[in-house]
Amino acid sequence: MSVIVRVKVNSKNTSSHYTKNDETGKQNVNTTVAMRTAYTNDPKDPNYIFSAMSGGTEFALSTINQAAADQFELDGEYECVFTRVK
């Protein structure tokens, strides 16, 4: 069984990482993308049920891969699929 949750990016923050990249000697930049469940008032929407059951959820993705961080736009909505791994 999988659970699909729609999330909205509410912030993106960058900071210099304390270790240096071995290839370039430059400091790595860490980006944290924060997302919250997207709100809806439609009781038929799966996000409505998820929000009601969880009281709201926040996810944070931290990465030093700038190309990955660039895939997330501020105020953009995305679907997260959670599937149990056996």
N, C-alpha and C. Protein backbone atom coordinates (compact mmCIF):
# COMPACT_ATOMS: atom_id res chain seq x y z
N MET A 1 0.84 -1.18 0.00
CA MET A 1 0.00 0.00 0.00
C MET A 1 0.89 1.24 0.00
N SER A 2 0.48 2.25 -0.75
CA SER A 2 1.21 3.51 -0.81
C SER A 2 0.31 4.64 -0.33
N VAL A 3 0.93 5.66 0.23
CA VAL A 3 0.24 6.88 0.62
C VAL A 3 0.81 8.01 -0.22
N ILE A 4 -0.06 8.75 -0.87
CA ILE A 4 0.37 9.89 -1.69
C ILE A 4 -0.05 11.17 -0.98
N VAL A 5 0.91 12.05 -0.77
CA VAL A 5 0.65 13.31 -0.08
C VAL A 5 1.15 14.45 -0.95
N ARG A 6 0.31 15.46 -1.16
CA ARG A 6 0.71 16.65 -1.91
C ARG A 6 1.32 17.64 -0.94
N VAL A 7 2.52 18.12 -1.25
CA VAL A 7 3.21 19.07 -0.38
C VAL A 7 3.51 20.35 -1.14
N LYS A 8 3.71 21.43 -0.39
CA LYS A 8 4.04 22.73 -0.97
C LYS A 8 5.34 23.22 -0.35
N VAL A 9 6.28 23.67 -1.19
CA VAL A 9 7.56 24.18 -0.70
C VAL A 9 7.32 25.54 -0.06
N ASN A 10 7.66 25.66 1.23
CA ASN A 10 7.45 26.93 1.91
C ASN A 10 8.74 27.66 2.24
N SER A 11 9.90 27.01 2.06
CA SER A 11 11.17 27.73 2.23
C SER A 11 12.32 26.93 1.64
N LYS A 12 13.36 27.66 1.23
CA LYS A 12 14.62 27.08 0.77
C LYS A 12 15.73 27.90 1.40
N ASN A 13 16.60 27.24 2.14
CA ASN A 13 17.70 27.94 2.81
C ASN A 13 19.02 27.28 2.44
N THR A 14 20.03 28.11 2.21
CA THR A 14 21.35 27.58 1.90
C THR A 14 22.35 28.01 2.97
N SER A 15 23.35 27.15 3.15
CA SER A 15 24.43 27.48 4.08
C SER A 15 25.69 26.76 3.62
N SER A 16 26.84 27.33 3.96
CA SER A 16 28.11 26.69 3.62
C SER A 16 28.31 25.49 4.53
N HIS A 17 28.75 24.42 3.96
CA HIS A 17 29.01 23.20 4.72
C HIS A 17 30.42 23.28 5.27
N TYR A 18 30.67 22.67 6.39
CA TYR A 18 31.97 22.79 7.03
C TYR A 18 33.08 22.01 6.33
N THR A 19 32.74 21.04 5.49
CA THR A 19 33.79 20.28 4.79
C THR A 19 33.99 20.82 3.39
N LYS A 20 35.15 20.64 2.86
CA LYS A 20 35.45 21.12 1.51
C LYS A 20 35.32 19.99 0.51
N ASN A 21 34.89 20.34 -0.68
CA ASN A 21 34.80 19.38 -1.76
C ASN A 21 36.22 19.00 -2.17
N ASP A 22 36.53 17.71 -2.19
CA ASP A 22 37.89 17.25 -2.49
C ASP A 22 38.37 17.63 -3.89
N GLU A 23 37.47 17.67 -4.86
CA GLU A 23 37.87 17.93 -6.25
C GLU A 23 38.21 19.39 -6.51
N THR A 24 37.44 20.31 -5.93
CA THR A 24 37.62 21.73 -6.24
C THR A 24 38.24 22.52 -5.10
N GLY A 25 38.20 22.00 -3.90
CA GLY A 25 38.70 22.73 -2.75
C GLY A 25 37.72 23.77 -2.24
N LYS A 26 36.57 23.92 -2.89
CA LYS A 26 35.55 24.88 -2.46
C LYS A 26 34.68 24.25 -1.37
N GLN A 27 34.10 25.11 -0.54
CA GLN A 27 33.17 24.61 0.47
C GLN A 27 31.88 24.14 -0.21
N ASN A 28 31.35 23.04 0.30
CA ASN A 28 30.06 22.57 -0.18
C ASN A 28 28.97 23.50 0.32
N VAL A 29 27.93 23.68 -0.47
CA VAL A 29 26.78 24.48 -0.06
C VAL A 29 25.63 23.52 0.20
N ASN A 30 25.06 23.61 1.39
CA ASN A 30 23.94 22.77 1.78
C ASN A 30 22.64 23.55 1.56
N THR A 31 21.67 22.94 0.90
CA THR A 31 20.36 23.56 0.73
C THR A 31 19.32 22.71 1.44
N THR A 32 18.50 23.35 2.26
CA THR A 32 17.40 22.67 2.93
C THR A 32 16.10 23.18 2.33
N VAL A 33 15.30 22.25 1.82
CA VAL A 33 14.00 22.56 1.23
C VAL A 33 12.95 22.09 2.22
N ALA A 34 12.14 23.02 2.73
CA ALA A 34 11.08 22.68 3.69
C ALA A 34 9.74 22.66 2.98
N MET A 35 8.96 21.62 3.25
CA MET A 35 7.65 21.45 2.61
C MET A 35 6.61 21.11 3.65
N ARG A 36 5.41 21.62 3.45
CA ARG A 36 4.27 21.29 4.32
C ARG A 36 3.18 20.69 3.46
N THR A 37 2.31 19.91 4.10
CA THR A 37 1.19 19.35 3.34
C THR A 37 0.35 20.50 2.77
N ALA A 38 -0.04 20.35 1.52
CA ALA A 38 -0.84 21.38 0.84
C ALA A 38 -2.26 21.33 1.41
N TYR A 39 -2.79 22.49 1.77
CA TYR A 39 -4.12 22.56 2.39
C TYR A 39 -5.21 22.55 1.32
N THR A 40 -6.26 21.85 1.62
CA THR A 40 -7.46 21.88 0.78
C THR A 40 -8.68 21.79 1.69
N ASN A 41 -9.80 22.38 1.27
CA ASN A 41 -11.03 22.27 2.04
C ASN A 41 -12.03 21.32 1.36
N ASP A 42 -11.55 20.57 0.37
CA ASP A 42 -12.38 19.59 -0.33
C ASP A 42 -12.28 18.25 0.40
N PRO A 43 -13.37 17.80 1.06
CA PRO A 43 -13.31 16.56 1.83
C PRO A 43 -13.03 15.32 0.98
N LYS A 44 -13.17 15.40 -0.34
CA LYS A 44 -12.89 14.26 -1.21
C LYS A 44 -11.42 14.19 -1.60
N ASP A 45 -10.68 15.26 -1.34
CA ASP A 45 -9.25 15.30 -1.68
C ASP A 45 -8.46 14.48 -0.66
N PRO A 46 -7.58 13.57 -1.11
CA PRO A 46 -6.78 12.77 -0.16
C PRO A 46 -5.97 13.64 0.82
N ASN A 47 -5.56 14.83 0.41
CA ASN A 47 -4.80 15.70 1.31
C ASN A 47 -5.66 16.21 2.46
N TYR A 48 -6.96 16.37 2.21
CA TYR A 48 -7.87 16.80 3.27
C TYR A 48 -7.89 15.76 4.38
N ILE A 49 -8.01 14.51 4.00
CA ILE A 49 -8.04 13.42 4.97
C ILE A 49 -6.71 13.30 5.68
N PHE A 50 -5.60 13.38 4.93
CA PHE A 50 -4.27 13.27 5.53
C PHE A 50 -4.04 14.38 6.54
N SER A 51 -4.41 15.61 6.17
CA SER A 51 -4.22 16.75 7.08
C SER A 51 -5.07 16.60 8.34
N ALA A 52 -6.30 16.13 8.17
CA ALA A 52 -7.19 15.96 9.31
C ALA A 52 -6.66 14.88 10.27
N MET A 53 -6.08 13.84 9.72
CA MET A 53 -5.58 12.73 10.54
C MET A 53 -4.23 13.06 11.18
N SER A 54 -3.40 13.86 10.50
CA SER A 54 -2.05 14.10 11.01
C SER A 54 -1.90 15.44 11.74
N GLY A 55 -2.82 16.34 11.52
CA GLY A 55 -2.72 17.67 12.13
C GLY A 55 -1.72 18.55 11.42
N GLY A 56 -1.33 18.16 10.22
CA GLY A 56 -0.33 18.92 9.46
C GLY A 56 1.01 18.23 9.54
N THR A 57 1.73 18.26 8.47
CA THR A 57 3.02 17.58 8.40
C THR A 57 4.03 18.46 7.70
N GLU A 58 5.26 18.41 8.16
CA GLU A 58 6.34 19.15 7.50
C GLU A 58 7.47 18.18 7.18
N PHE A 59 8.02 18.33 5.99
CA PHE A 59 9.15 17.53 5.54
C PHE A 59 10.31 18.47 5.26
N ALA A 60 11.51 18.03 5.51
CA ALA A 60 12.70 18.82 5.18
C ALA A 60 13.68 17.93 4.43
N LEU A 61 14.16 18.43 3.31
CA LEU A 61 15.14 17.73 2.50
C LEU A 61 16.41 18.56 2.50
N SER A 62 17.50 18.00 2.98
CA SER A 62 18.79 18.70 2.97
C SER A 62 19.71 18.00 2.00
N THR A 63 20.38 18.77 1.14
CA THR A 63 21.26 18.18 0.15
C THR A 63 22.40 19.13 -0.19
N ILE A 64 23.54 18.57 -0.58
CA ILE A 64 24.64 19.39 -1.11
C ILE A 64 24.64 19.31 -2.64
N ASN A 65 23.68 18.58 -3.20
CA ASN A 65 23.54 18.46 -4.65
C ASN A 65 22.65 19.62 -5.13
N GLN A 66 23.26 20.68 -5.63
CA GLN A 66 22.51 21.87 -6.02
C GLN A 66 21.51 21.58 -7.14
N ALA A 67 21.86 20.67 -8.05
CA ALA A 67 20.94 20.31 -9.14
C ALA A 67 19.66 19.69 -8.57
N ALA A 68 19.79 18.89 -7.52
CA ALA A 68 18.61 18.30 -6.88
C ALA A 68 17.78 19.38 -6.20
N ALA A 69 18.43 20.29 -5.49
CA ALA A 69 17.72 21.37 -4.79
C ALA A 69 16.99 22.28 -5.78
N ASP A 70 17.59 22.49 -6.94
CA ASP A 70 16.98 23.36 -7.95
C ASP A 70 15.69 22.80 -8.54
N GLN A 71 15.42 21.52 -8.33
CA GLN A 71 14.19 20.91 -8.84
C GLN A 71 12.96 21.37 -8.06
N PHE A 72 13.18 21.97 -6.89
CA PHE A 72 12.08 22.41 -6.04
C PHE A 72 11.95 23.93 -6.09
N GLU A 73 10.78 24.40 -6.53
CA GLU A 73 10.52 25.84 -6.62
C GLU A 73 9.73 26.29 -5.39
N LEU A 74 10.07 27.47 -4.88
CA LEU A 74 9.34 28.05 -3.76
C LEU A 74 7.87 28.19 -4.15
N ASP A 75 6.97 27.78 -3.28
CA ASP A 75 5.51 27.76 -3.48
C ASP A 75 5.05 26.71 -4.48
N GLY A 76 5.96 25.89 -5.00
CA GLY A 76 5.58 24.81 -5.91
C GLY A 76 4.97 23.66 -5.13
N GLU A 77 4.05 22.92 -5.77
CA GLU A 77 3.44 21.76 -5.14
C GLU A 77 3.99 20.49 -5.78
N TYR A 78 4.20 19.48 -4.95
CA TYR A 78 4.78 18.21 -5.38
C TYR A 78 4.05 17.07 -4.69
N GLU A 79 4.09 15.89 -5.30
CA GLU A 79 3.51 14.71 -4.68
C GLU A 79 4.62 13.85 -4.10
N CYS A 80 4.43 13.43 -2.86
CA CYS A 80 5.34 12.49 -2.21
C CYS A 80 4.61 11.16 -2.11
N VAL A 81 5.27 10.10 -2.52
CA VAL A 81 4.68 8.77 -2.43
C VAL A 81 5.46 7.98 -1.40
N PHE A 82 4.75 7.47 -0.41
CA PHE A 82 5.37 6.69 0.65
C PHE A 82 4.91 5.25 0.49
N THR A 83 5.88 4.38 0.27
CA THR A 83 5.61 2.96 0.11
C THR A 83 6.49 2.19 1.07
N ARG A 84 5.92 1.28 1.82
CA ARG A 84 6.70 0.49 2.77
C ARG A 84 7.68 -0.40 2.02
N VAL A 85 8.91 -0.43 2.48
CA VAL A 85 9.93 -1.29 1.91
C VAL A 85 10.01 -2.53 2.78
N LYS A 86 10.00 -3.67 2.14
CA LYS A 86 10.03 -4.93 2.90
C LYS A 86 11.40 -5.48 2.99
